[in-house]
Amino acid sequence: MVLFALAGCTATSDSGSTTTVLRLGHGLDTAHPVHQGMVHMAERLAVLSGGTMRIDLYPSQQLGTERENLELLQIGSLAMTKVSASILENFAPSFEILTLPYLFRDEAHIWATLNGEIGQAMLASTEPYRLRGLTYYDAGARSFYTVDRPVLSPADLDGMKIRVQESQTAMRMVDALGGSPTPISWGELYTALQQGVVDGAENNPPSYYLSRHYEVAPYFALDEHTAVPDVLVIGTPTWERLSEQQRAWLQQAARESTERQRELWRAASDEALAAVQEADVEVIEVDKTPFRARVAAMLDAYDDQPELAALIAQIQAVETPTVADASPPSDTVGPDSLSAPATP
């Protein structure tokens, strides 16, 4: 009842002025670089709108899981959320492709895809599902971490119960590698690892560190099987209540937050790996070749789905610049095109 009482987009009156308040719920810790990126977005939106718009952040699953937050967006009870593309694939099928293992060649390839026509078209593809993608956040590369023994090759995953997100693609990947995929919510994972409900999980270094999962799963194998981005999403019921000017401010603040978040992410990844090693975690540089070989058939399995097969081919054909472009897409609405009120 409390959740449904939260209007996704509300207006409050303060000293005769009206402020549009957007509530944003997500599952990450406040120290996480993605959360910090969204804090930057809130700050920029306040500036761009001259204080007439505000984002209230509800981290750490205060308003539910990623899937629950998406459902709240669809009915307008929550304005915005951050979800992994792995979760979004359950609502917008094209996002399934971004969760395929070893789809991208390197980081430059990832961002050339997401910042280009393909990535922007995918953000728009969520609208029929009452969701609208605003921008992507860097979630790094995901690798396996385990409780009792390290994963040096796919054979080491045989019979292991591995926690995955609620993603059919993630489950197929772990199954192809020989493990037993087990969907468990992020908030319950520490206890599940501690109590032996699962033998391991997979995620990026900052999430592994900030969740303190290294305390109960001290083996971290850098196989980097997927690079699944996070996606900032707004519900279309909320989006449609905003004016064109408000939408422009919000989109600008969101894209600026991507640039800031990527800077934070690089630093956080380095710090996380150093911190877990200091805590006696065994960080293992594995040979990725056998991992790639075990999941290669997943890319070929879309031959009977022409649209998704074509999307894979388009992503693989994306050319990367000599120096990776860390900026948001070139069609970003710039400050000069916004008729924002004076900065408070």
C-alpha atoms as a PDB file:
ATOM      1  CA  MET A   1       0.000   0.000   0.000  1.00  0.00           C
ATOM      2  CA  VAL A   2       2.877   2.348   0.788  1.00  0.00           C
ATOM      3  CA  LEU A   3       4.392   1.712  -2.663  1.00  0.00           C
ATOM      4  CA  PHE A   4       1.155   2.502  -4.447  1.00  0.00           C
ATOM      5  CA  ALA A   5       0.775   5.653  -2.370  1.00  0.00           C
ATOM      6  CA  LEU A   6       4.027   6.925  -3.860  1.00  0.00           C
ATOM      7  CA  ALA A   7       3.131   8.852  -6.973  1.00  0.00           C
ATOM      8  CA  GLY A   8       5.861   8.528  -9.578  1.00  0.00           C
ATOM      9  CA  CYS A   9       5.715  12.204 -10.449  1.00  0.00           C
ATOM     10  CA  THR A  10       4.327  14.738  -7.992  1.00  0.00           C
ATOM     11  CA  ALA A  11       4.250  18.487  -7.704  1.00  0.00           C
ATOM     12  CA  THR A  12       4.883  20.243  -4.409  1.00  0.00           C
ATOM     13  CA  SER A  13       4.302  23.874  -3.580  1.00  0.00           C
ATOM     14  CA  ASP A  14       6.915  25.697  -1.550  1.00  0.00           C
ATOM     15  CA  SER A  15       6.695  29.433  -0.945  1.00  0.00           C
ATOM     16  CA  GLY A  16       4.479  29.885  -3.968  1.00  0.00           C
ATOM     17  CA  SER A  17       6.714  27.906  -6.363  1.00  0.00           C
ATOM     18  CA  THR A  18       5.968  24.521  -7.853  1.00  0.00           C
ATOM     19  CA  THR A  19       8.509  21.692  -7.998  1.00  0.00           C
ATOM     20  CA  THR A  20       8.062  18.518 -10.025  1.00  0.00           C
ATOM     21  CA  VAL A  21       9.398  15.616  -7.966  1.00  0.00           C
ATOM     22  CA  LEU A  22      10.513  12.395  -9.669  1.00  0.00           C
ATOM     23  CA  ARG A  23      11.022   9.372  -7.421  1.00  0.00           C
ATOM     24  CA  LEU A  24      13.783   6.973  -8.459  1.00  0.00           C
ATOM     25  CA  GLY A  25      14.164   3.572  -6.807  1.00  0.00           C
ATOM     26  CA  HIS A  26      17.027   1.115  -7.317  1.00  0.00           C
ATOM     27  CA  GLY A  27      18.825  -1.753  -5.587  1.00  0.00           C
ATOM     28  CA  LEU A  28      22.392  -0.491  -5.203  1.00  0.00           C
ATOM     29  CA  ASP A  29      24.358   0.741  -2.195  1.00  0.00           C
ATOM     30  CA  THR A  30      24.862   4.499  -1.913  1.00  0.00           C
ATOM     31  CA  ALA A  31      28.631   4.055  -2.339  1.00  0.00           C
ATOM     32  CA  HIS A  32      28.160   2.405  -5.740  1.00  0.00           C
ATOM     33  CA  PRO A  33      29.341   4.503  -8.730  1.00  0.00           C
ATOM     34  CA  VAL A  34      25.997   4.011 -10.490  1.00  0.00           C
ATOM     35  CA  HIS A  35      24.174   5.511  -7.501  1.00  0.00           C
ATOM     36  CA  GLN A  36      26.695   8.347  -7.435  1.00  0.00           C
ATOM     37  CA  GLY A  37      26.094   8.901 -11.137  1.00  0.00           C
ATOM     38  CA  MET A  38      22.373   9.253 -10.444  1.00  0.00           C
ATOM     39  CA  VAL A  39      23.114  11.701  -7.626  1.00  0.00           C
ATOM     40  CA  HIS A  40      24.999  13.764 -10.229  1.00  0.00           C
ATOM     41  CA  MET A  41      21.940  13.560 -12.492  1.00  0.00           C
ATOM     42  CA  ALA A  42      19.722  14.889  -9.697  1.00  0.00           C
ATOM     43  CA  GLU A  43      22.113  17.768  -9.102  1.00  0.00           C
ATOM     44  CA  ARG A  44      22.277  18.641 -12.797  1.00  0.00           C
ATOM     45  CA  LEU A  45      18.498  18.456 -13.222  1.00  0.00           C
ATOM     46  CA  ALA A  46      18.034  20.885 -10.348  1.00  0.00           C
ATOM     47  CA  VAL A  47      20.433  23.315 -12.062  1.00  0.00           C
ATOM     48  CA  LEU A  48      19.049  22.918 -15.582  1.00  0.00           C
ATOM     49  CA  SER A  49      15.464  23.351 -14.395  1.00  0.00           C
ATOM     50  CA  GLY A  50      16.247  26.271 -12.110  1.00  0.00           C
ATOM     51  CA  GLY A  51      15.020  24.265  -9.126  1.00  0.00           C
ATOM     52  CA  THR A  52      11.645  23.458 -10.682  1.00  0.00           C
ATOM     53  CA  MET A  53      12.436  19.725 -10.921  1.00  0.00           C
ATOM     54  CA  ARG A  54      13.807  17.361  -8.281  1.00  0.00           C
ATOM     55  CA  ILE A  55      14.811  13.693  -8.193  1.00  0.00           C
ATOM     56  CA  ASP A  56      14.377  11.828  -4.902  1.00  0.00           C
ATOM     57  CA  LEU A  57      16.555   8.701  -4.731  1.00  0.00           C
ATOM     58  CA  TYR A  58      15.536   5.499  -2.902  1.00  0.00           C
ATOM     59  CA  PRO A  59      18.555   3.111  -3.003  1.00  0.00           C
ATOM     60  CA  SER A  60      19.165  -0.376  -1.572  1.00  0.00           C
ATOM     61  CA  GLN A  61      15.860  -1.926  -2.701  1.00  0.00           C
ATOM     62  CA  GLN A  62      13.828   0.360  -0.428  1.00  0.00           C
ATOM     63  CA  LEU A  63      11.016   0.224  -2.992  1.00  0.00           C
ATOM     64  CA  GLY A  64      11.512  -3.353  -4.182  1.00  0.00           C
ATOM     65  CA  THR A  65      13.585  -5.437  -6.561  1.00  0.00           C
ATOM     66  CA  GLU A  66      14.553  -4.336 -10.068  1.00  0.00           C
ATOM     67  CA  ARG A  67      11.649  -6.229 -11.605  1.00  0.00           C
ATOM     68  CA  GLU A  68       9.188  -4.839  -9.046  1.00  0.00           C
ATOM     69  CA  ASN A  69      10.418  -1.300  -9.714  1.00  0.00           C
ATOM     70  CA  LEU A  70       9.887  -1.747 -13.460  1.00  0.00           C
ATOM     71  CA  GLU A  71       6.322  -2.874 -12.796  1.00  0.00           C
ATOM     72  CA  LEU A  72       5.760   0.207 -10.630  1.00  0.00           C
ATOM     73  CA  LEU A  73       7.051   2.371 -13.486  1.00  0.00           C
ATOM     74  CA  GLN A  74       4.560   0.806 -15.881  1.00  0.00           C
ATOM     75  CA  ILE A  75       1.594   1.809 -13.719  1.00  0.00           C
ATOM     76  CA  GLY A  76       2.970   5.233 -12.808  1.00  0.00           C
ATOM     77  CA  SER A  77       3.505   4.539  -9.088  1.00  0.00           C
ATOM     78  CA  LEU A  78       7.242   5.192  -9.449  1.00  0.00           C
ATOM     79  CA  ALA A  79       8.917   7.538 -11.922  1.00  0.00           C
ATOM     80  CA  MET A  80      12.349   6.048 -12.622  1.00  0.00           C
ATOM     81  CA  THR A  81      14.643   3.157 -11.877  1.00  0.00           C
ATOM     82  CA  LYS A  82      18.030   1.711 -12.799  1.00  0.00           C
ATOM     83  CA  VAL A  83      18.026  -1.877 -13.996  1.00  0.00           C
ATOM     84  CA  SER A  84      20.465  -4.261 -15.571  1.00  0.00           C
ATOM     85  CA  ALA A  85      19.833  -5.017 -19.230  1.00  0.00           C
ATOM     86  CA  SER A  86      19.501  -8.631 -18.025  1.00  0.00           C
ATOM     87  CA  ILE A  87      16.296  -7.700 -16.214  1.00  0.00           C
ATOM     88  CA  LEU A  88      15.060  -5.417 -18.983  1.00  0.00           C
ATOM     89  CA  GLU A  89      15.149  -8.277 -21.498  1.00  0.00           C
ATOM     90  CA  ASN A  90      12.039  -9.666 -19.767  1.00  0.00           C
ATOM     91  CA  PHE A  91      10.173  -6.516 -20.839  1.00  0.00           C
ATOM     92  CA  ALA A  92      11.891  -5.560 -24.124  1.00  0.00           C
ATOM     93  CA  PRO A  93      13.243  -8.632 -25.971  1.00  0.00           C
ATOM     94  CA  SER A  94      15.996  -6.875 -27.949  1.00  0.00           C
ATOM     95  CA  PHE A  95      17.925  -6.277 -24.698  1.00  0.00           C
ATOM     96  CA  GLU A  96      18.516 -10.010 -24.528  1.00  0.00           C
ATOM     97  CA  ILE A  97      21.304  -9.526 -27.056  1.00  0.00           C
ATOM     98  CA  LEU A  98      23.299  -7.263 -24.712  1.00  0.00           C
ATOM     99  CA  THR A  99      23.481 -10.094 -22.171  1.00  0.00           C
ATOM    100  CA  LEU A 100      25.139 -12.590 -24.541  1.00  0.00           C
ATOM    101  CA  PRO A 101      28.605 -13.731 -23.434  1.00  0.00           C
ATOM    102  CA  TYR A 102      31.621 -12.361 -25.272  1.00  0.00           C
ATOM    103  CA  LEU A 103      29.470 -10.285 -27.626  1.00  0.00           C
ATOM    104  CA  PHE A 104      31.771  -7.252 -27.443  1.00  0.00           C
ATOM    105  CA  ARG A 105      35.416  -7.143 -28.463  1.00  0.00           C
ATOM    106  CA  ASP A 106      36.495  -4.595 -25.869  1.00  0.00           C
ATOM    107  CA  GLU A 107      35.334  -1.502 -23.964  1.00  0.00           C
ATOM    108  CA  ALA A 108      35.630   0.748 -27.010  1.00  0.00           C
ATOM    109  CA  HIS A 109      33.311  -1.593 -28.920  1.00  0.00           C
ATOM    110  CA  ILE A 110      30.761  -1.528 -26.095  1.00  0.00           C
ATOM    111  CA  TRP A 111      30.469   2.257 -26.022  1.00  0.00           C
ATOM    112  CA  ALA A 112      30.615   2.715 -29.775  1.00  0.00           C
ATOM    113  CA  THR A 113      27.554   0.424 -29.860  1.00  0.00           C
ATOM    114  CA  LEU A 114      25.612   1.934 -26.955  1.00  0.00           C
ATOM    115  CA  ASN A 115      26.315   5.571 -27.871  1.00  0.00           C
ATOM    116  CA  GLY A 116      25.572   4.934 -31.537  1.00  0.00           C
ATOM    117  CA  GLU A 117      22.419   4.292 -33.521  1.00  0.00           C
ATOM    118  CA  ILE A 118      22.023   0.717 -32.268  1.00  0.00           C
ATOM    119  CA  GLY A 119      22.106   1.591 -28.580  1.00  0.00           C
ATOM    120  CA  GLN A 120      19.825   4.589 -28.953  1.00  0.00           C
ATOM    121  CA  ALA A 121      17.297   2.587 -30.993  1.00  0.00           C
ATOM    122  CA  MET A 122      17.261  -0.034 -28.248  1.00  0.00           C
ATOM    123  CA  LEU A 123      16.432   2.604 -25.631  1.00  0.00           C
ATOM    124  CA  ALA A 124      13.439   3.650 -27.739  1.00  0.00           C
ATOM    125  CA  SER A 125      12.348   0.027 -28.233  1.00  0.00           C
ATOM    126  CA  THR A 126      11.066  -0.160 -24.659  1.00  0.00           C
ATOM    127  CA  GLU A 127       8.194   2.303 -25.221  1.00  0.00           C
ATOM    128  CA  PRO A 128       5.587  -0.318 -26.253  1.00  0.00           C
ATOM    129  CA  TYR A 129       6.132  -1.797 -22.771  1.00  0.00           C
ATOM    130  CA  ARG A 130       5.276   1.500 -20.994  1.00  0.00           C
ATOM    131  CA  LEU A 131       8.983   2.125 -20.328  1.00  0.00           C
ATOM    132  CA  ARG A 132      11.426   4.573 -21.876  1.00  0.00           C
ATOM    133  CA  GLY A 133      15.190   4.140 -21.749  1.00  0.00           C
ATOM    134  CA  LEU A 134      17.078   7.368 -21.027  1.00  0.00           C
ATOM    135  CA  THR A 135      20.746   6.391 -20.906  1.00  0.00           C
ATOM    136  CA  TYR A 136      23.219   3.603 -20.161  1.00  0.00           C
ATOM    137  CA  TYR A 137      25.563   3.223 -17.212  1.00  0.00           C
ATOM    138  CA  ASP A 138      28.821   1.306 -17.185  1.00  0.00           C
ATOM    139  CA  ALA A 139      28.463  -1.938 -15.224  1.00  0.00           C
ATOM    140  CA  GLY A 140      31.851  -3.300 -16.210  1.00  0.00           C
ATOM    141  CA  ALA A 141      32.535  -6.937 -17.015  1.00  0.00           C
ATOM    142  CA  ARG A 142      30.945  -9.724 -14.997  1.00  0.00           C
ATOM    143  CA  SER A 143      33.061 -12.591 -13.667  1.00  0.00           C
ATOM    144  CA  PHE A 144      32.493 -15.614 -11.435  1.00  0.00           C
ATOM    145  CA  TYR A 145      33.150 -15.681  -7.699  1.00  0.00           C
ATOM    146  CA  THR A 146      32.835 -18.806  -5.587  1.00  0.00           C
ATOM    147  CA  VAL A 147      32.767 -20.037  -2.002  1.00  0.00           C
ATOM    148  CA  ASP A 148      34.826 -23.225  -1.730  1.00  0.00           C
ATOM    149  CA  ARG A 149      37.080 -23.484  -4.782  1.00  0.00           C
ATOM    150  CA  PRO A 150      38.276 -21.247  -7.615  1.00  0.00           C
ATOM    151  CA  VAL A 151      37.018 -21.396 -11.192  1.00  0.00           C
ATOM    152  CA  LEU A 152      40.057 -21.791 -13.430  1.00  0.00           C
ATOM    153  CA  SER A 153      38.226 -23.287 -16.421  1.00  0.00           C
ATOM    154  CA  PRO A 154      34.630 -24.108 -17.412  1.00  0.00           C
ATOM    155  CA  ALA A 155      35.135 -27.631 -16.056  1.00  0.00           C
ATOM    156  CA  ASP A 156      35.372 -26.159 -12.541  1.00  0.00           C
ATOM    157  CA  LEU A 157      31.769 -24.931 -12.845  1.00  0.00           C
ATOM    158  CA  ASP A 158      30.408 -28.446 -13.379  1.00  0.00           C
ATOM    159  CA  GLY A 159      27.685 -29.082 -10.812  1.00  0.00           C
ATOM    160  CA  MET A 160      28.086 -25.697  -9.112  1.00  0.00           C
ATOM    161  CA  LYS A 161      24.938 -23.791  -8.201  1.00  0.00           C
ATOM    162  CA  ILE A 162      25.584 -20.277  -9.531  1.00  0.00           C
ATOM    163  CA  ARG A 163      23.348 -17.343  -8.703  1.00  0.00           C
ATOM    164  CA  VAL A 164      22.133 -15.467 -11.767  1.00  0.00           C
ATOM    165  CA  GLN A 165      19.760 -12.584 -12.347  1.00  0.00           C
ATOM    166  CA  GLU A 166      16.213 -13.235 -13.529  1.00  0.00           C
ATOM    167  CA  SER A 167      17.445 -13.543 -17.107  1.00  0.00           C
ATOM    168  CA  GLN A 168      16.885 -16.464 -19.455  1.00  0.00           C
ATOM    169  CA  THR A 169      20.095 -15.588 -21.288  1.00  0.00           C
ATOM    170  CA  ALA A 170      22.155 -15.599 -18.089  1.00  0.00           C
ATOM    171  CA  MET A 171      20.675 -18.967 -17.153  1.00  0.00           C
ATOM    172  CA  ARG A 172      21.497 -20.434 -20.579  1.00  0.00           C
ATOM    173  CA  MET A 173      25.057 -19.138 -20.306  1.00  0.00           C
ATOM    174  CA  VAL A 174      25.733 -20.739 -16.924  1.00  0.00           C
ATOM    175  CA  ASP A 175      24.108 -23.949 -18.131  1.00  0.00           C
ATOM    176  CA  ALA A 176      26.327 -23.958 -21.253  1.00  0.00           C
ATOM    177  CA  LEU A 177      29.385 -23.569 -19.012  1.00  0.00           C
ATOM    178  CA  GLY A 178      28.342 -26.596 -16.945  1.00  0.00           C
ATOM    179  CA  GLY A 179      26.924 -24.849 -13.880  1.00  0.00           C
ATOM    180  CA  SER A 180      23.438 -24.939 -12.396  1.00  0.00           C
ATOM    181  CA  PRO A 181      21.866 -21.464 -12.763  1.00  0.00           C
ATOM    182  CA  THR A 182      19.904 -20.333  -9.706  1.00  0.00           C
ATOM    183  CA  PRO A 183      17.980 -17.011  -9.805  1.00  0.00           C
ATOM    184  CA  ILE A 184      18.124 -15.229  -6.434  1.00  0.00           C
ATOM    185  CA  SER A 185      17.430 -11.578  -5.669  1.00  0.00           C
ATOM    186  CA  TRP A 186      20.469  -9.389  -5.029  1.00  0.00           C
ATOM    187  CA  GLY A 187      19.378  -8.539  -1.497  1.00  0.00           C
ATOM    188  CA  GLU A 188      19.250 -12.240  -0.508  1.00  0.00           C
ATOM    189  CA  LEU A 189      22.525 -13.306  -2.128  1.00  0.00           C
ATOM    190  CA  TYR A 190      24.941 -12.745   0.770  1.00  0.00           C
ATOM    191  CA  THR A 191      22.936 -15.090   2.989  1.00  0.00           C
ATOM    192  CA  ALA A 192      22.509 -17.601   0.157  1.00  0.00           C
ATOM    193  CA  LEU A 193      26.286 -17.766  -0.321  1.00  0.00           C
ATOM    194  CA  GLN A 194      26.889 -17.955   3.416  1.00  0.00           C
ATOM    195  CA  GLN A 195      24.390 -20.769   3.948  1.00  0.00           C
ATOM    196  CA  GLY A 196      25.388 -22.812   0.900  1.00  0.00           C
ATOM    197  CA  VAL A 197      22.165 -22.252  -1.024  1.00  0.00           C
ATOM    198  CA  VAL A 198      24.435 -21.401  -3.962  1.00  0.00           C
ATOM    199  CA  ASP A 199      28.116 -22.150  -4.535  1.00  0.00           C
ATOM    200  CA  GLY A 200      28.893 -18.895  -6.280  1.00  0.00           C
ATOM    201  CA  ALA A 201      27.659 -15.943  -8.292  1.00  0.00           C
ATOM    202  CA  GLU A 202      28.859 -13.567 -10.998  1.00  0.00           C
ATOM    203  CA  ASN A 203      29.183  -9.823 -11.070  1.00  0.00           C
ATOM    204  CA  ASN A 204      31.563  -6.918 -11.575  1.00  0.00           C
ATOM    205  CA  PRO A 205      34.341  -5.956  -9.104  1.00  0.00           C
ATOM    206  CA  PRO A 206      32.617  -2.936  -7.451  1.00  0.00           C
ATOM    207  CA  SER A 207      29.401  -4.883  -6.814  1.00  0.00           C
ATOM    208  CA  TYR A 208      31.376  -7.865  -5.481  1.00  0.00           C
ATOM    209  CA  TYR A 209      33.259  -5.576  -3.115  1.00  0.00           C
ATOM    210  CA  LEU A 210      30.518  -3.197  -1.952  1.00  0.00           C
ATOM    211  CA  SER A 211      28.103  -6.074  -1.275  1.00  0.00           C
ATOM    212  CA  ARG A 212      30.821  -7.678   0.881  1.00  0.00           C
ATOM    213  CA  HIS A 213      30.263 -10.962  -0.953  1.00  0.00           C
ATOM    214  CA  TYR A 214      34.048 -11.439  -0.865  1.00  0.00           C
ATOM    215  CA  GLU A 215      33.658 -12.247   2.853  1.00  0.00           C
ATOM    216  CA  VAL A 216      31.820 -15.485   2.016  1.00  0.00           C
ATOM    217  CA  ALA A 217      33.030 -16.132  -1.551  1.00  0.00           C
ATOM    218  CA  PRO A 218      36.795 -15.470  -1.562  1.00  0.00           C
ATOM    219  CA  TYR A 219      37.639 -16.692  -5.092  1.00  0.00           C
ATOM    220  CA  PHE A 220      37.210 -14.190  -7.950  1.00  0.00           C
ATOM    221  CA  ALA A 221      37.983 -15.466 -11.468  1.00  0.00           C
ATOM    222  CA  LEU A 222      38.343 -12.711 -14.073  1.00  0.00           C
ATOM    223  CA  ASP A 223      36.775 -14.558 -17.008  1.00  0.00           C
ATOM    224  CA  GLU A 224      34.786 -11.390 -17.902  1.00  0.00           C
ATOM    225  CA  HIS A 225      32.080 -13.367 -19.702  1.00  0.00           C
ATOM    226  CA  THR A 226      29.620 -10.522 -20.170  1.00  0.00           C
ATOM    227  CA  ALA A 227      29.600  -6.722 -20.191  1.00  0.00           C
ATOM    228  CA  VAL A 228      25.945  -6.059 -19.446  1.00  0.00           C
ATOM    229  CA  PRO A 229      25.195  -2.341 -19.098  1.00  0.00           C
ATOM    230  CA  ASP A 230      22.817  -0.808 -16.612  1.00  0.00           C
ATOM    231  CA  VAL A 231      19.923   1.145 -18.077  1.00  0.00           C
ATOM    232  CA  LEU A 232      18.212   4.200 -16.616  1.00  0.00           C
ATOM    233  CA  VAL A 233      14.484   3.892 -17.305  1.00  0.00           C
ATOM    234  CA  ILE A 234      11.472   6.154 -16.835  1.00  0.00           C
ATOM    235  CA  GLY A 235       7.887   4.945 -17.000  1.00  0.00           C
ATOM    236  CA  THR A 236       5.908   6.332 -19.937  1.00  0.00           C
ATOM    237  CA  PRO A 237       3.010   7.338 -17.621  1.00  0.00           C
ATOM    238  CA  THR A 238       5.477   9.722 -15.928  1.00  0.00           C
ATOM    239  CA  TRP A 239       7.227  10.762 -19.158  1.00  0.00           C
ATOM    240  CA  GLU A 240       3.936  11.733 -20.785  1.00  0.00           C
ATOM    241  CA  ARG A 241       3.080  14.023 -17.855  1.00  0.00           C
ATOM    242  CA  LEU A 242       6.253  16.051 -18.395  1.00  0.00           C
ATOM    243  CA  SER A 243       6.384  19.038 -20.723  1.00  0.00           C
ATOM    244  CA  GLU A 244       8.742  19.062 -23.710  1.00  0.00           C
ATOM    245  CA  GLN A 245      11.082  21.390 -21.803  1.00  0.00           C
ATOM    246  CA  GLN A 246      11.082  19.157 -18.734  1.00  0.00           C
ATOM    247  CA  ARG A 247      11.872  16.133 -20.912  1.00  0.00           C
ATOM    248  CA  ALA A 248      14.811  17.977 -22.482  1.00  0.00           C
ATOM    249  CA  TRP A 249      16.207  18.908 -19.070  1.00  0.00           C
ATOM    250  CA  LEU A 250      15.837  15.348 -17.785  1.00  0.00           C
ATOM    251  CA  GLN A 251      17.397  13.782 -20.867  1.00  0.00           C
ATOM    252  CA  GLN A 252      20.337  16.187 -20.684  1.00  0.00           C
ATOM    253  CA  ALA A 253      20.899  15.503 -16.974  1.00  0.00           C
ATOM    254  CA  ALA A 254      20.714  11.746 -17.596  1.00  0.00           C
ATOM    255  CA  ARG A 255      23.301  11.807 -20.360  1.00  0.00           C
ATOM    256  CA  GLU A 256      25.631  14.024 -18.356  1.00  0.00           C
ATOM    257  CA  SER A 257      25.349  11.526 -15.520  1.00  0.00           C
ATOM    258  CA  THR A 258      26.590   8.754 -17.834  1.00  0.00           C
ATOM    259  CA  GLU A 259      29.816  10.632 -18.494  1.00  0.00           C
ATOM    260  CA  ARG A 260      30.337  11.246 -14.781  1.00  0.00           C
ATOM    261  CA  GLN A 261      29.429   7.670 -13.841  1.00  0.00           C
ATOM    262  CA  ARG A 262      31.938   6.184 -16.277  1.00  0.00           C
ATOM    263  CA  GLU A 263      34.727   8.212 -14.667  1.00  0.00           C
ATOM    264  CA  LEU A 264      33.648   6.977 -11.244  1.00  0.00           C
ATOM    265  CA  TRP A 265      33.366   3.405 -12.503  1.00  0.00           C
ATOM    266  CA  ARG A 266      36.957   3.176 -13.713  1.00  0.00           C
ATOM    267  CA  ALA A 267      38.267   4.339 -10.365  1.00  0.00           C
ATOM    268  CA  ALA A 268      35.861   2.113  -8.404  1.00  0.00           C
ATOM    269  CA  SER A 269      36.854  -1.017 -10.342  1.00  0.00           C
ATOM    270  CA  ASP A 270      40.539  -0.500  -9.622  1.00  0.00           C
ATOM    271  CA  GLU A 271      39.854   0.267  -5.956  1.00  0.00           C
ATOM    272  CA  ALA A 272      37.553  -2.760  -5.564  1.00  0.00           C
ATOM    273  CA  LEU A 273      40.086  -5.241  -6.918  1.00  0.00           C
ATOM    274  CA  ALA A 274      42.824  -3.766  -4.714  1.00  0.00           C
ATOM    275  CA  ALA A 275      40.572  -3.871  -1.645  1.00  0.00           C
ATOM    276  CA  VAL A 276      39.452  -7.496  -2.040  1.00  0.00           C
ATOM    277  CA  GLN A 277      43.034  -8.618  -2.636  1.00  0.00           C
ATOM    278  CA  GLU A 278      43.996  -6.848   0.564  1.00  0.00           C
ATOM    279  CA  ALA A 279      41.243  -8.906   2.254  1.00  0.00           C
ATOM    280  CA  ASP A 280      42.954 -12.124   1.047  1.00  0.00           C
ATOM    281  CA  VAL A 281      40.612 -12.797  -1.877  1.00  0.00           C
ATOM    282  CA  GLU A 282      42.249 -14.917  -4.575  1.00  0.00           C
ATOM    283  CA  VAL A 283      41.838 -12.886  -7.783  1.00  0.00           C
ATOM    284  CA  ILE A 284      42.575 -15.134 -10.747  1.00  0.00           C
ATOM    285  CA  GLU A 285      43.466 -14.119 -14.320  1.00  0.00           C
ATOM    286  CA  VAL A 286      41.993 -17.027 -16.294  1.00  0.00           C
ATOM    287  CA  ASP A 287      42.446 -18.057 -19.925  1.00  0.00           C
ATOM    288  CA  LYS A 288      39.204 -16.876 -21.551  1.00  0.00           C
ATOM    289  CA  THR A 289      39.589 -19.070 -24.642  1.00  0.00           C
ATOM    290  CA  PRO A 290      37.855 -22.190 -23.247  1.00  0.00           C
ATOM    291  CA  PHE A 291      35.064 -20.049 -21.789  1.00  0.00           C
ATOM    292  CA  ARG A 292      34.473 -18.411 -25.178  1.00  0.00           C
ATOM    293  CA  ALA A 293      34.438 -21.816 -26.869  1.00  0.00           C
ATOM    294  CA  ARG A 294      31.841 -23.259 -24.482  1.00  0.00           C
ATOM    295  CA  VAL A 295      29.342 -20.445 -25.115  1.00  0.00           C
ATOM    296  CA  ALA A 296      30.045 -19.722 -28.805  1.00  0.00           C
ATOM    297  CA  ALA A 297      26.934 -21.628 -29.867  1.00  0.00           C
ATOM    298  CA  MET A 298      24.762 -19.103 -28.018  1.00  0.00           C
ATOM    299  CA  LEU A 299      25.473 -16.503 -30.704  1.00  0.00           C
ATOM    300  CA  ASP A 300      24.479 -18.949 -33.443  1.00  0.00           C
ATOM    301  CA  ALA A 301      21.238 -19.948 -31.725  1.00  0.00           C
ATOM    302  CA  TYR A 302      19.409 -16.894 -33.115  1.00  0.00           C
ATOM    303  CA  ASP A 303      19.410 -18.024 -36.725  1.00  0.00           C
ATOM    304  CA  ASP A 304      15.690 -18.793 -36.441  1.00  0.00           C
ATOM    305  CA  GLN A 305      15.011 -15.260 -35.069  1.00  0.00           C
ATOM    306  CA  PRO A 306      15.960 -13.010 -38.012  1.00  0.00           C
ATOM    307  CA  GLU A 307      15.539  -9.665 -36.215  1.00  0.00           C
ATOM    308  CA  LEU A 308      17.740 -10.620 -33.283  1.00  0.00           C
ATOM    309  CA  ALA A 309      20.263 -12.372 -35.552  1.00  0.00           C
ATOM    310  CA  ALA A 310      20.490  -9.174 -37.626  1.00  0.00           C
ATOM    311  CA  LEU A 311      21.024  -7.128 -34.452  1.00  0.00           C
ATOM    312  CA  ILE A 312      23.918  -9.385 -33.410  1.00  0.00           C
ATOM    313  CA  ALA A 313      25.485  -8.973 -36.845  1.00  0.00           C
ATOM    314  CA  GLN A 314      25.072  -5.191 -36.678  1.00  0.00           C
ATOM    315  CA  ILE A 315      26.753  -5.047 -33.259  1.00  0.00           C
ATOM    316  CA  GLN A 316      29.630  -7.226 -34.404  1.00  0.00           C
ATOM    317  CA  ALA A 317      30.106  -4.941 -37.414  1.00  0.00           C
ATOM    318  CA  VAL A 318      30.333  -1.741 -35.341  1.00  0.00           C
ATOM    319  CA  GLU A 319      33.668  -0.060 -35.919  1.00  0.00           C
ATOM    320  CA  THR A 320      35.485   1.455 -32.977  1.00  0.00           C
ATOM    321  CA  PRO A 321      37.469   4.695 -32.945  1.00  0.00           C
ATOM    322  CA  THR A 322      41.194   4.670 -32.331  1.00  0.00           C
ATOM    323  CA  VAL A 323      40.528   6.302 -28.964  1.00  0.00           C
ATOM    324  CA  ALA A 324      37.292   5.267 -27.232  1.00  0.00           C
ATOM    325  CA  ASP A 325      34.814   8.096 -27.018  1.00  0.00           C
ATOM    326  CA  ALA A 326      33.830   8.533 -23.380  1.00  0.00           C
ATOM    327  CA  SER A 327      31.148  11.091 -24.205  1.00  0.00           C
ATOM    328  CA  PRO A 328      27.395  10.576 -24.515  1.00  0.00           C
ATOM    329  CA  PRO A 329      25.821  10.288 -27.989  1.00  0.00           C
ATOM    330  CA  SER A 330      26.447  13.164 -30.394  1.00  0.00           C
ATOM    331  CA  ASP A 331      22.752  13.995 -30.561  1.00  0.00           C
ATOM    332  CA  THR A 332      22.683  14.866 -26.863  1.00  0.00           C
ATOM    333  CA  VAL A 333      20.635  17.964 -26.170  1.00  0.00           C
ATOM    334  CA  GLY A 334      23.265  20.522 -25.195  1.00  0.00           C
ATOM    335  CA  PRO A 335      22.922  23.325 -22.656  1.00  0.00           C
ATOM    336  CA  ASP A 336      22.827  25.938 -25.441  1.00  0.00           C
ATOM    337  CA  SER A 337      19.637  24.387 -26.809  1.00  0.00           C
ATOM    338  CA  LEU A 338      17.875  24.523 -23.448  1.00  0.00           C
ATOM    339  CA  SER A 339      15.968  27.586 -22.339  1.00  0.00           C
ATOM    340  CA  ALA A 340      16.639  26.814 -18.688  1.00  0.00           C
ATOM    341  CA  PRO A 341      15.817  29.312 -15.951  1.00  0.00           C
ATOM    342  CA  ALA A 342      18.742  31.044 -14.284  1.00  0.00           C
ATOM    343  CA  THR A 343      20.795  28.794 -12.038  1.00  0.00           C
ATOM    344  CA  PRO A 344      19.714  29.258  -8.425  1.00  0.00           C
END
